[in-house]
Amino acid sequence: MPGTPDEEAYHEPQFLCELAAADAPIAGDIAKIDDGTWAIHGAIQVDGEAILAEFSTEDEARTVLDHLPATSHDSTRS
């Protein structure tokens, strides 16, 4: 059963941290999907470039990206 939006938002930063710890390439920019959806994307071995986490605002996405280890994503950000 899917979690509530708040529960899902809590797990996305943890998931990204786990990817970063596994040296998965995470892009250093934020992608706008639509007016209410912003994403952090990166590369995964099976699918290549993929959305790794979605957020309601650009600020939320930026905050999470800024808290990831610097080595996990490109240092030049948009």
C-alpha atoms as a PDB file:
ATOM      1  CA  MET A   1       0.000   0.000   0.000  1.00  0.00           C
ATOM      2  CA  PRO A   2       1.521   3.364  -0.958  1.00  0.00           C
ATOM      3  CA  GLY A   3       2.397   5.787   1.795  1.00  0.00           C
ATOM      4  CA  THR A   4       1.007   9.250   2.252  1.00  0.00           C
ATOM      5  CA  PRO A   5       2.704  12.078   0.316  1.00  0.00           C
ATOM      6  CA  ASP A   6       4.492  13.157   3.527  1.00  0.00           C
ATOM      7  CA  GLU A   7       5.821   9.630   4.100  1.00  0.00           C
ATOM      8  CA  GLU A   8       6.986   9.383   0.488  1.00  0.00           C
ATOM      9  CA  ALA A   9       8.748  12.761   0.682  1.00  0.00           C
ATOM     10  CA  TYR A  10      10.572  11.563   3.806  1.00  0.00           C
ATOM     11  CA  HIS A  11      11.914   8.467   2.041  1.00  0.00           C
ATOM     12  CA  GLU A  12      13.180  10.219  -1.102  1.00  0.00           C
ATOM     13  CA  PRO A  13      16.128  11.985   0.589  1.00  0.00           C
ATOM     14  CA  GLN A  14      17.074   8.704   2.303  1.00  0.00           C
ATOM     15  CA  PHE A  15      16.905   6.900  -1.056  1.00  0.00           C
ATOM     16  CA  LEU A  16      19.112   9.560  -2.677  1.00  0.00           C
ATOM     17  CA  CYS A  17      21.635   9.298   0.168  1.00  0.00           C
ATOM     18  CA  GLU A  18      21.775   5.536  -0.341  1.00  0.00           C
ATOM     19  CA  LEU A  19      22.369   6.047  -4.074  1.00  0.00           C
ATOM     20  CA  ALA A  20      25.087   8.604  -3.332  1.00  0.00           C
ATOM     21  CA  ALA A  21      26.753   6.183  -0.902  1.00  0.00           C
ATOM     22  CA  ALA A  22      26.762   3.587  -3.686  1.00  0.00           C
ATOM     23  CA  ASP A  23      28.485   6.103  -6.021  1.00  0.00           C
ATOM     24  CA  ALA A  24      25.469   6.400  -8.329  1.00  0.00           C
ATOM     25  CA  PRO A  25      25.780   9.473 -10.559  1.00  0.00           C
ATOM     26  CA  ILE A  26      23.236  12.099  -9.460  1.00  0.00           C
ATOM     27  CA  ALA A  27      22.802  15.190 -11.621  1.00  0.00           C
ATOM     28  CA  GLY A  28      23.604  18.508  -9.975  1.00  0.00           C
ATOM     29  CA  ASP A  29      20.572  20.279 -11.391  1.00  0.00           C
ATOM     30  CA  ILE A  30      16.831  20.301 -10.768  1.00  0.00           C
ATOM     31  CA  ALA A  31      14.441  19.354 -13.588  1.00  0.00           C
ATOM     32  CA  LYS A  32      10.977  20.933 -13.812  1.00  0.00           C
ATOM     33  CA  ILE A  33       8.447  18.256 -14.743  1.00  0.00           C
ATOM     34  CA  ASP A  34       5.335  20.485 -14.541  1.00  0.00           C
ATOM     35  CA  ASP A  35       4.032  23.381 -12.415  1.00  0.00           C
ATOM     36  CA  GLY A  36       3.857  21.295  -9.232  1.00  0.00           C
ATOM     37  CA  THR A  37       6.618  18.744  -9.783  1.00  0.00           C
ATOM     38  CA  TRP A  38      10.381  19.147  -9.638  1.00  0.00           C
ATOM     39  CA  ALA A  39      12.845  16.273  -9.897  1.00  0.00           C
ATOM     40  CA  ILE A  40      16.384  15.237  -9.123  1.00  0.00           C
ATOM     41  CA  HIS A  41      17.642  12.898 -11.806  1.00  0.00           C
ATOM     42  CA  GLY A  42      20.631  10.711 -12.373  1.00  0.00           C
ATOM     43  CA  ALA A  43      21.883   7.573 -14.058  1.00  0.00           C
ATOM     44  CA  ILE A  44      21.077   4.060 -12.947  1.00  0.00           C
ATOM     45  CA  GLN A  45      22.659   0.948 -14.377  1.00  0.00           C
ATOM     46  CA  VAL A  46      19.478  -0.678 -15.682  1.00  0.00           C
ATOM     47  CA  ASP A  47      17.646   2.281 -17.257  1.00  0.00           C
ATOM     48  CA  GLY A  48      20.291   4.918 -17.783  1.00  0.00           C
ATOM     49  CA  GLU A  49      19.038   8.477 -17.117  1.00  0.00           C
ATOM     50  CA  ALA A  50      16.060   8.389 -14.722  1.00  0.00           C
ATOM     51  CA  ILE A  51      14.107  10.522 -12.250  1.00  0.00           C
ATOM     52  CA  LEU A  52      15.417   9.581  -8.803  1.00  0.00           C
ATOM     53  CA  ALA A  53      13.114  11.731  -6.662  1.00  0.00           C
ATOM     54  CA  GLU A  54      10.194  14.125  -7.139  1.00  0.00           C
ATOM     55  CA  PHE A  55       9.301  17.175  -5.048  1.00  0.00           C
ATOM     56  CA  SER A  56       6.442  19.672  -4.896  1.00  0.00           C
ATOM     57  CA  THR A  57       8.695  22.716  -5.099  1.00  0.00           C
ATOM     58  CA  GLU A  58      12.056  23.636  -6.539  1.00  0.00           C
ATOM     59  CA  ASP A  59      13.181  24.745  -3.057  1.00  0.00           C
ATOM     60  CA  GLU A  60      12.464  21.295  -1.600  1.00  0.00           C
ATOM     61  CA  ALA A  61      14.447  19.619  -4.369  1.00  0.00           C
ATOM     62  CA  ARG A  62      17.325  22.105  -4.002  1.00  0.00           C
ATOM     63  CA  THR A  63      17.469  21.575  -0.224  1.00  0.00           C
ATOM     64  CA  VAL A  64      17.732  17.811  -0.635  1.00  0.00           C
ATOM     65  CA  LEU A  65      20.308  18.111  -3.434  1.00  0.00           C
ATOM     66  CA  ASP A  66      22.372  20.532  -1.360  1.00  0.00           C
ATOM     67  CA  HIS A  67      22.498  18.016   1.510  1.00  0.00           C
ATOM     68  CA  LEU A  68      23.815  15.148  -0.599  1.00  0.00           C
ATOM     69  CA  PRO A  69      27.543  14.431  -0.474  1.00  0.00           C
ATOM     70  CA  ALA A  70      29.319  16.707  -2.979  1.00  0.00           C
ATOM     71  CA  THR A  71      30.997  13.741  -4.649  1.00  0.00           C
ATOM     72  CA  SER A  72      27.646  12.223  -5.631  1.00  0.00           C
ATOM     73  CA  HIS A  73      26.654  14.961  -8.060  1.00  0.00           C
ATOM     74  CA  ASP A  74      28.092  17.491 -10.443  1.00  0.00           C
ATOM     75  CA  SER A  75      29.338  20.618  -8.691  1.00  0.00           C
ATOM     76  CA  THR A  76      28.065  22.928 -11.448  1.00  0.00           C
ATOM     77  CA  ARG A  77      24.406  23.470 -10.701  1.00  0.00           C
ATOM     78  CA  SER A  78      21.674  25.253 -12.618  1.00  0.00           C
END
